[in-house]
Amino acid sequence: MRWTDINDIAIELTEARPDVDPLSVNFVDLRAWVLALPGFDDHPDHCGEKILEAIQAAWIEELE
């Protein structure tokens, strides 16, 4: 997975952290959690606030 795999990341986060409300997660933690996902293989510096916002939005949508 790469930073651009927004929907795949959201699915993985939903499975890995089922008790977490995505709206309560700060971007520092979100970035760390994405980097720790199995199969994630992208450079840590290739992520910015817009990507994290998109991941958070997709994660919220995944829960609905």
PDB file of N, CA and C in Angstrom:
ATOM      1  N   MET A   1       0.839  -1.180   0.000  1.00  0.00           N
ATOM      2  CA  MET A   1       0.000   0.000   0.000  1.00  0.00           C
ATOM      3  C   MET A   1       0.883   1.240   0.000  1.00  0.00           C
ATOM      4  N   ARG A   2       0.333   2.267  -0.616  1.00  0.00           N
ATOM      5  CA  ARG A   2       1.023   3.552  -0.677  1.00  0.00           C
ATOM      6  C   ARG A   2       0.070   4.625  -0.154  1.00  0.00           C
ATOM      7  N   TRP A   3       0.595   5.833   0.062  1.00  0.00           N
ATOM      8  CA  TRP A   3      -0.229   6.925   0.581  1.00  0.00           C
ATOM      9  C   TRP A   3      -1.453   7.188  -0.289  1.00  0.00           C
ATOM     10  N   THR A   4      -1.335   6.935  -1.575  1.00  0.00           N
ATOM     11  CA  THR A   4      -2.437   7.210  -2.485  1.00  0.00           C
ATOM     12  C   THR A   4      -3.542   6.152  -2.439  1.00  0.00           C
ATOM     13  N   ASP A   5      -3.316   5.072  -1.736  1.00  0.00           N
ATOM     14  CA  ASP A   5      -4.318   4.009  -1.605  1.00  0.00           C
ATOM     15  C   ASP A   5      -5.266   4.330  -0.442  1.00  0.00           C
ATOM     16  N   ILE A   6      -5.929   5.462  -0.565  1.00  0.00           N
ATOM     17  CA  ILE A   6      -6.741   6.024   0.521  1.00  0.00           C
ATOM     18  C   ILE A   6      -7.795   5.033   1.023  1.00  0.00           C
ATOM     19  N   ASN A   7      -8.559   4.450   0.113  1.00  0.00           N
ATOM     20  CA  ASN A   7      -9.639   3.553   0.522  1.00  0.00           C
ATOM     21  C   ASN A   7      -9.116   2.279   1.162  1.00  0.00           C
ATOM     22  N   ASP A   8      -8.037   1.735   0.631  1.00  0.00           N
ATOM     23  CA  ASP A   8      -7.436   0.537   1.228  1.00  0.00           C
ATOM     24  C   ASP A   8      -6.932   0.832   2.636  1.00  0.00           C
ATOM     25  N   ILE A   9      -6.329   1.991   2.812  1.00  0.00           N
ATOM     26  CA  ILE A   9      -5.842   2.391   4.132  1.00  0.00           C
ATOM     27  C   ILE A   9      -7.011   2.521   5.097  1.00  0.00           C
ATOM     28  N   ALA A  10      -8.104   3.135   4.639  1.00  0.00           N
ATOM     29  CA  ALA A  10      -9.286   3.301   5.496  1.00  0.00           C
ATOM     30  C   ALA A  10      -9.847   1.953   5.931  1.00  0.00           C
ATOM     31  N   ILE A  11      -9.889   1.008   5.032  1.00  0.00           N
ATOM     32  CA  ILE A  11     -10.379  -0.337   5.361  1.00  0.00           C
ATOM     33  C   ILE A  11      -9.470  -0.982   6.392  1.00  0.00           C
ATOM     34  N   GLU A  12      -8.169  -0.878   6.181  1.00  0.00           N
ATOM     35  CA  GLU A  12      -7.208  -1.466   7.123  1.00  0.00           C
ATOM     36  C   GLU A  12      -7.316  -0.828   8.508  1.00  0.00           C
ATOM     37  N   LEU A  13      -7.487   0.485   8.552  1.00  0.00           N
ATOM     38  CA  LEU A  13      -7.622   1.164   9.842  1.00  0.00           C
ATOM     39  C   LEU A  13      -8.913   0.755  10.546  1.00  0.00           C
ATOM     40  N   THR A  14      -9.982   0.580   9.790  1.00  0.00           N
ATOM     41  CA  THR A  14     -11.249   0.131  10.368  1.00  0.00           C
ATOM     42  C   THR A  14     -11.082  -1.235  11.015  1.00  0.00           C
ATOM     43  N   GLU A  15     -10.348  -2.111  10.361  1.00  0.00           N
ATOM     44  CA  GLU A  15     -10.135  -3.456  10.892  1.00  0.00           C
ATOM     45  C   GLU A  15      -9.136  -3.456  12.057  1.00  0.00           C
ATOM     46  N   ALA A  16      -8.102  -2.634  11.947  1.00  0.00           N
ATOM     47  CA  ALA A  16      -7.046  -2.620  12.958  1.00  0.00           C
ATOM     48  C   ALA A  16      -7.462  -1.889  14.238  1.00  0.00           C
ATOM     49  N   ARG A  17      -8.343  -0.910  14.103  1.00  0.00           N
ATOM     50  CA  ARG A  17      -8.726  -0.074  15.252  1.00  0.00           C
ATOM     51  C   ARG A  17     -10.245   0.109  15.278  1.00  0.00           C
ATOM     52  N   PRO A  18     -10.961  -0.996  15.542  1.00  0.00           N
ATOM     53  CA  PRO A  18     -12.427  -0.949  15.474  1.00  0.00           C
ATOM     54  C   PRO A  18     -13.090  -0.057  16.531  1.00  0.00           C
ATOM     55  N   ASP A  19     -12.411   0.193  17.630  1.00  0.00           N
ATOM     56  CA  ASP A  19     -13.007   0.990  18.713  1.00  0.00           C
ATOM     57  C   ASP A  19     -12.636   2.465  18.658  1.00  0.00           C
ATOM     58  N   VAL A  20     -11.950   2.880  17.598  1.00  0.00           N
ATOM     59  CA  VAL A  20     -11.482   4.262  17.499  1.00  0.00           C
ATOM     60  C   VAL A  20     -12.447   5.089  16.656  1.00  0.00           C
ATOM     61  N   ASP A  21     -12.783   6.269  17.152  1.00  0.00           N
ATOM     62  CA  ASP A  21     -13.564   7.232  16.381  1.00  0.00           C
ATOM     63  C   ASP A  21     -12.578   8.057  15.554  1.00  0.00           C
ATOM     64  N   PRO A  22     -12.644   7.950  14.227  1.00  0.00           N
ATOM     65  CA  PRO A  22     -11.682   8.663  13.378  1.00  0.00           C
ATOM     66  C   PRO A  22     -11.661  10.173  13.616  1.00  0.00           C
ATOM     67  N   LEU A  23     -12.779  10.727  14.050  1.00  0.00           N
ATOM     68  CA  LEU A  23     -12.828  12.172  14.304  1.00  0.00           C
ATOM     69  C   LEU A  23     -11.999  12.575  15.521  1.00  0.00           C
ATOM     70  N   SER A  24     -11.692  11.610  16.380  1.00  0.00           N
ATOM     71  CA  SER A  24     -10.931  11.927  17.591  1.00  0.00           C
ATOM     72  C   SER A  24      -9.425  11.735  17.412  1.00  0.00           C
ATOM     73  N   VAL A  25      -9.004  11.296  16.237  1.00  0.00           N
ATOM     74  CA  VAL A  25      -7.592  10.990  15.999  1.00  0.00           C
ATOM     75  C   VAL A  25      -6.864  12.216  15.460  1.00  0.00           C
ATOM     76  N   ASN A  26      -5.745  12.547  16.093  1.00  0.00           N
ATOM     77  CA  ASN A  26      -4.941  13.650  15.551  1.00  0.00           C
ATOM     78  C   ASN A  26      -4.072  13.110  14.414  1.00  0.00           C
ATOM     79  N   PHE A  27      -3.605  14.016  13.582  1.00  0.00           N
ATOM     80  CA  PHE A  27      -2.877  13.601  12.387  1.00  0.00           C
ATOM     81  C   PHE A  27      -1.522  12.970  12.703  1.00  0.00           C
ATOM     82  N   VAL A  28      -0.920  13.306  13.811  1.00  0.00           N
ATOM     83  CA  VAL A  28       0.349  12.678  14.202  1.00  0.00           C
ATOM     84  C   VAL A  28       0.123  11.191  14.452  1.00  0.00           C
ATOM     85  N   ASP A  29      -0.928  10.872  15.210  1.00  0.00           N
ATOM     86  CA  ASP A  29      -1.239   9.461  15.480  1.00  0.00           C
ATOM     87  C   ASP A  29      -1.691   8.746  14.213  1.00  0.00           C
ATOM     88  N   LEU A  30      -2.527   9.406  13.424  1.00  0.00           N
ATOM     89  CA  LEU A  30      -3.015   8.790  12.191  1.00  0.00           C
ATOM     90  C   LEU A  30      -1.857   8.417  11.274  1.00  0.00           C
ATOM     91  N   ARG A  31      -0.922   9.318  11.113  1.00  0.00           N
ATOM     92  CA  ARG A  31       0.251   9.053  10.271  1.00  0.00           C
ATOM     93  C   ARG A  31       1.026   7.852  10.801  1.00  0.00           C
ATOM     94  N   ALA A  32       1.234   7.804  12.111  1.00  0.00           N
ATOM     95  CA  ALA A  32       1.965   6.687  12.724  1.00  0.00           C
ATOM     96  C   ALA A  32       1.215   5.370  12.527  1.00  0.00           C
ATOM     97  N   TRP A  33      -0.099   5.400  12.681  1.00  0.00           N
ATOM     98  CA  TRP A  33      -0.883   4.179  12.506  1.00  0.00           C
ATOM     99  C   TRP A  33      -0.833   3.686  11.074  1.00  0.00           C
ATOM    100  N   VAL A  34      -0.878   4.594  10.111  1.00  0.00           N
ATOM    101  CA  VAL A  34      -0.792   4.187   8.706  1.00  0.00           C
ATOM    102  C   VAL A  34       0.575   3.573   8.426  1.00  0.00           C
ATOM    103  N   LEU A  35       1.620   4.212   8.913  1.00  0.00           N
ATOM    104  CA  LEU A  35       2.971   3.681   8.694  1.00  0.00           C
ATOM    105  C   LEU A  35       3.140   2.291   9.292  1.00  0.00           C
ATOM    106  N   ALA A  36       2.383   1.987  10.360  1.00  0.00           N
ATOM    107  CA  ALA A  36       2.501   0.696  11.042  1.00  0.00           C
ATOM    108  C   ALA A  36       1.625  -0.394  10.425  1.00  0.00           C
ATOM    109  N   LEU A  37       0.779  -0.036   9.468  1.00  0.00           N
ATOM    110  CA  LEU A  37      -0.092  -1.040   8.866  1.00  0.00           C
ATOM    111  C   LEU A  37       0.722  -2.091   8.118  1.00  0.00           C
ATOM    112  N   PRO A  38       0.332  -3.372   8.257  1.00  0.00           N
ATOM    113  CA  PRO A  38       1.014  -4.411   7.481  1.00  0.00           C
ATOM    114  C   PRO A  38       0.794  -4.173   5.990  1.00  0.00           C
ATOM    115  N   GLY A  39       1.824  -4.292   5.238  1.00  0.00           N
ATOM    116  CA  GLY A  39       1.714  -4.103   3.799  1.00  0.00           C
ATOM    117  C   GLY A  39       1.887  -2.662   3.345  1.00  0.00           C
ATOM    118  N   PHE A  40       2.015  -1.736   4.289  1.00  0.00           N
ATOM    119  CA  PHE A  40       2.245  -0.350   3.889  1.00  0.00           C
ATOM    120  C   PHE A  40       3.709  -0.184   3.547  1.00  0.00           C
ATOM    121  N   ASP A  41       3.957   0.323   2.341  1.00  0.00           N
ATOM    122  CA  ASP A  41       5.335   0.423   1.858  1.00  0.00           C
ATOM    123  C   ASP A  41       5.502   1.690   1.026  1.00  0.00           C
ATOM    124  N   ASP A  42       5.512   2.819   1.706  1.00  0.00           N
ATOM    125  CA  ASP A  42       5.737   4.088   1.015  1.00  0.00           C
ATOM    126  C   ASP A  42       6.619   4.938   1.920  1.00  0.00           C
ATOM    127  N   HIS A  43       7.232   5.913   1.339  1.00  0.00           N
ATOM    128  CA  HIS A  43       8.137   6.775   2.097  1.00  0.00           C
ATOM    129  C   HIS A  43       7.344   7.625   3.079  1.00  0.00           C
ATOM    130  N   PRO A  44       7.749   7.686   4.338  1.00  0.00           N
ATOM    131  CA  PRO A  44       7.022   8.469   5.343  1.00  0.00           C
ATOM    132  C   PRO A  44       6.861   9.942   4.979  1.00  0.00           C
ATOM    133  N   ASP A  45       7.809  10.497   4.259  1.00  0.00           N
ATOM    134  CA  ASP A  45       7.757  11.918   3.930  1.00  0.00           C
ATOM    135  C   ASP A  45       6.846  12.247   2.744  1.00  0.00           C
ATOM    136  N   HIS A  46       6.263  11.236   2.121  1.00  0.00           N
ATOM    137  CA  HIS A  46       5.392  11.475   0.979  1.00  0.00           C
ATOM    138  C   HIS A  46       3.952  11.734   1.404  1.00  0.00           C
ATOM    139  N   CYS A  47       3.772  12.097   2.638  1.00  0.00           N
ATOM    140  CA  CYS A  47       2.443  12.325   3.186  1.00  0.00           C
ATOM    141  C   CYS A  47       2.336  13.752   3.711  1.00  0.00           C
ATOM    142  N   GLY A  48       1.214  14.381   3.400  1.00  0.00           N
ATOM    143  CA  GLY A  48       0.950  15.716   3.912  1.00  0.00           C
ATOM    144  C   GLY A  48      -0.432  15.766   4.541  1.00  0.00           C
ATOM    145  N   GLU A  49      -0.808  16.951   4.961  1.00  0.00           N
ATOM    146  CA  GLU A  49      -2.087  17.121   5.648  1.00  0.00           C
ATOM    147  C   GLU A  49      -3.272  16.745   4.760  1.00  0.00           C
ATOM    148  N   LYS A  50      -3.196  17.057   3.475  1.00  0.00           N
ATOM    149  CA  LYS A  50      -4.308  16.735   2.570  1.00  0.00           C
ATOM    150  C   LYS A  50      -4.521  15.229   2.459  1.00  0.00           C
ATOM    151  N   ILE A  51      -3.451  14.477   2.410  1.00  0.00           N
ATOM    152  CA  ILE A  51      -3.576  13.023   2.343  1.00  0.00           C
ATOM    153  C   ILE A  51      -4.174  12.491   3.645  1.00  0.00           C
ATOM    154  N   LEU A  52      -3.706  12.998   4.771  1.00  0.00           N
ATOM    155  CA  LEU A  52      -4.247  12.549   6.053  1.00  0.00           C
ATOM    156  C   LEU A  52      -5.723  12.907   6.184  1.00  0.00           C
ATOM    157  N   GLU A  53      -6.105  14.082   5.708  1.00  0.00           N
ATOM    158  CA  GLU A  53      -7.524  14.465   5.718  1.00  0.00           C
ATOM    159  C   GLU A  53      -8.340  13.500   4.861  1.00  0.00           C
ATOM    160  N   ALA A  54      -7.824  13.134   3.709  1.00  0.00           N
ATOM    161  CA  ALA A  54      -8.526  12.210   2.821  1.00  0.00           C
ATOM    162  C   ALA A  54      -8.651  10.825   3.460  1.00  0.00           C
ATOM    163  N   ILE A  55      -7.595  10.371   4.125  1.00  0.00           N
ATOM    164  CA  ILE A  55      -7.640   9.083   4.822  1.00  0.00           C
ATOM    165  C   ILE A  55      -8.686   9.134   5.931  1.00  0.00           C
ATOM    166  N   GLN A  56      -8.680  10.207   6.706  1.00  0.00           N
ATOM    167  CA  GLN A  56      -9.644  10.348   7.793  1.00  0.00           C
ATOM    168  C   GLN A  56     -11.080  10.346   7.243  1.00  0.00           C
ATOM    169  N   ALA A  57     -11.327  11.074   6.169  1.00  0.00           N
ATOM    170  CA  ALA A  57     -12.662  11.119   5.566  1.00  0.00           C
ATOM    171  C   ALA A  57     -13.088   9.750   5.050  1.00  0.00           C
ATOM    172  N   ALA A  58     -12.166   9.029   4.422  1.00  0.00           N
ATOM    173  CA  ALA A  58     -12.480   7.689   3.911  1.00  0.00           C
ATOM    174  C   ALA A  58     -12.739   6.725   5.065  1.00  0.00           C
ATOM    175  N   TRP A  59     -12.024   6.872   6.154  1.00  0.00           N
ATOM    176  CA  TRP A  59     -12.215   6.033   7.327  1.00  0.00           C
ATOM    177  C   TRP A  59     -13.607   6.293   7.918  1.00  0.00           C
ATOM    178  N   ILE A  60     -13.998   7.543   8.012  1.00  0.00           N
ATOM    179  CA  ILE A  60     -15.338   7.880   8.506  1.00  0.00           C
ATOM    180  C   ILE A  60     -16.393   7.272   7.603  1.00  0.00           C
ATOM    181  N   GLU A  61     -16.204   7.404   6.298  1.00  0.00           N
ATOM    182  CA  GLU A  61     -17.153   6.855   5.334  1.00  0.00           C
ATOM    183  C   GLU A  61     -17.222   5.332   5.452  1.00  0.00           C
ATOM    184  N   GLU A  62     -16.095   4.700   5.671  1.00  0.00           N
ATOM    185  CA  GLU A  62     -16.036   3.247   5.812  1.00  0.00           C
ATOM    186  C   GLU A  62     -16.871   2.776   7.006  1.00  0.00           C
ATOM    187  N   LEU A  63     -16.921   3.569   8.048  1.00  0.00           N
ATOM    188  CA  LEU A  63     -17.682   3.194   9.244  1.00  0.00           C
ATOM    189  C   LEU A  63     -19.191   3.389   9.073  1.00  0.00           C
ATOM    190  N   GLU A  64     -19.583   4.179   8.106  1.00  0.00           N
ATOM    191  CA  GLU A  64     -21.024   4.467   7.924  1.00  0.00           C
ATOM    192  C   GLU A  64     -21.758   3.407   7.161  1.00  0.00           C
TER     193      GLU A  64
END
